[in-house]
């Protein structure tokens, strides 16, 4: 392995760690906002309204993007035998990333 490949591998590792930590932190923040939104409801039959729903939607889009980026780092580190499976997981993660804003738009419209 040349020095250039080692530098690239280390940068993927650092980038993967940072994105995974950001997913974790945003997930905790998402849970907190969800709990606050649930406690603000007057009835258990009400749905979470603004501004909590909007914040949750923005966070879900950001979390999906960061999960796709972290999956890219995992794909880079996968062994050659497992690259096929990590590529499939990366494709599914990108499909989820594309569908979250679309589904959020349908939830707001209906």
Protein backbone atom coordinates (compact mmCIF):
# COMPACT_ATOMS: atom_id res chain seq x y z
CA UNK A 1 0.00 0.00 0.00
CA UNK A 2 1.47 3.34 -0.95
CA UNK A 3 1.55 6.37 1.29
CA UNK A 4 -1.18 8.05 -0.75
CA UNK A 5 -3.58 5.13 -0.19
CA UNK A 6 -2.90 5.21 3.55
CA UNK A 7 -3.73 8.93 3.66
CA UNK A 8 -6.95 8.33 1.75
CA UNK A 9 -7.90 5.44 4.06
CA UNK A 10 -7.26 7.55 7.14
CA UNK A 11 -9.35 10.39 5.75
CA UNK A 12 -12.23 7.96 5.02
CA UNK A 13 -11.93 6.60 8.55
CA UNK A 14 -12.01 10.08 10.11
CA UNK A 15 -14.87 11.17 7.88
CA UNK A 16 -16.81 7.99 8.72
CA UNK A 17 -16.31 8.50 12.44
CA UNK A 18 -17.37 12.13 12.28
CA UNK A 19 -20.52 11.36 10.30
CA UNK A 20 -21.46 8.48 12.62
CA UNK A 21 -21.02 10.72 15.65
CA UNK A 22 -23.13 13.39 13.97
CA UNK A 23 -25.86 10.81 13.24
CA UNK A 24 -25.80 9.83 16.91
CA UNK A 25 -25.94 13.43 18.13
CA UNK A 26 -28.72 14.40 15.72
CA UNK A 27 -30.61 11.24 16.70
CA UNK A 28 -30.49 12.26 20.36
CA UNK A 29 -31.63 15.76 19.39
CA UNK A 30 -34.44 14.25 17.27
CA UNK A 31 -35.58 12.13 20.22
CA UNK A 32 -35.57 15.18 22.46
CA UNK A 33 -37.64 17.23 20.01
CA UNK A 34 -40.06 14.31 19.60
CA UNK A 35 -40.48 14.02 23.36
CA UNK A 36 -41.05 17.77 23.71
CA UNK A 37 -43.56 17.62 20.84
CA UNK A 38 -45.41 14.73 22.47
CA UNK A 39 -45.52 16.43 25.85
CA UNK A 40 -46.90 19.59 24.25
CA UNK A 41 -50.00 17.76 22.97
CA UNK A 42 -53.29 18.47 24.68
CA UNK A 43 -54.77 15.10 23.75
CA UNK A 44 -53.23 11.75 22.89
CA UNK A 45 -55.24 11.85 19.64
CA UNK A 46 -53.54 15.04 18.40
CA UNK A 47 -50.58 14.95 16.05
CA UNK A 48 -47.33 16.77 16.65
CA UNK A 49 -47.65 20.24 15.15
CA UNK A 50 -45.37 23.08 14.25
CA UNK A 51 -42.64 23.99 15.08
CA UNK A 52 -41.79 20.51 16.40
CA UNK A 53 -42.89 18.64 13.27
CA UNK A 54 -40.86 20.95 11.02
CA UNK A 55 -37.75 20.54 13.16
CA UNK A 56 -38.21 16.76 13.14
CA UNK A 57 -38.55 16.76 9.35
CA UNK A 58 -35.39 18.81 8.86
CA UNK A 59 -33.49 16.56 11.26
CA UNK A 60 -34.67 13.40 9.49
CA UNK A 61 -33.39 14.74 6.17
CA UNK A 62 -30.02 15.60 7.71
CA UNK A 63 -29.76 12.24 9.48
CA UNK A 64 -30.53 10.36 6.25
CA UNK A 65 -27.85 12.31 4.39
CA UNK A 66 -25.25 11.63 7.07
CA UNK A 67 -26.20 7.94 7.17
CA UNK A 68 -25.66 7.72 3.41
CA UNK A 69 -22.26 9.38 3.78
CA UNK A 70 -21.27 7.02 6.60
CA UNK A 71 -22.38 4.07 4.46
CA UNK A 72 -20.00 5.32 1.78
CA UNK A 73 -17.14 5.14 4.29
CA UNK A 74 -18.22 1.60 5.26
CA UNK A 75 -18.27 0.62 1.59
CA UNK A 76 -14.72 1.93 1.24
CA UNK A 77 -13.54 -0.27 4.12
CA UNK A 78 -15.44 -3.42 3.11
CA UNK A 79 -13.39 -6.39 2.03
CA UNK A 80 -13.50 -7.19 -1.70
CA UNK A 81 -15.81 -10.13 -1.03
CA UNK A 82 -18.28 -7.93 0.86
CA UNK A 83 -18.15 -4.89 -1.46
CA UNK A 84 -21.21 -6.21 -3.30
CA UNK A 85 -23.28 -6.20 -0.10
CA UNK A 86 -22.03 -2.82 1.06
CA UNK A 87 -22.84 -1.40 -2.38
CA UNK A 88 -26.40 -2.73 -2.11
CA UNK A 89 -26.68 -1.18 1.36
CA UNK A 90 -25.35 2.11 0.01
CA UNK A 91 -27.92 2.07 -2.80
CA UNK A 92 -30.74 1.38 -0.34
CA UNK A 93 -29.48 4.20 1.88
CA UNK A 94 -29.55 6.60 -1.08
CA UNK A 95 -33.09 5.47 -1.94
CA UNK A 96 -34.13 6.24 1.63
CA UNK A 97 -32.43 9.63 1.40
CA UNK A 98 -34.37 10.43 -1.76
CA UNK A 99 -37.71 9.24 -0.35
CA UNK A 100 -37.65 11.02 3.03
CA UNK A 101 -38.23 14.54 1.64
CA UNK A 102 -40.88 13.20 -0.73
CA UNK A 103 -42.76 11.39 2.05
CA UNK A 104 -42.47 14.44 4.31
CA UNK A 105 -44.08 16.56 1.61
CA UNK A 106 -46.99 14.12 1.39
CA UNK A 107 -47.42 14.18 5.17
CA UNK A 108 -47.56 17.98 5.21
CA UNK A 109 -50.04 18.11 2.30
CA UNK A 110 -52.47 15.56 3.77
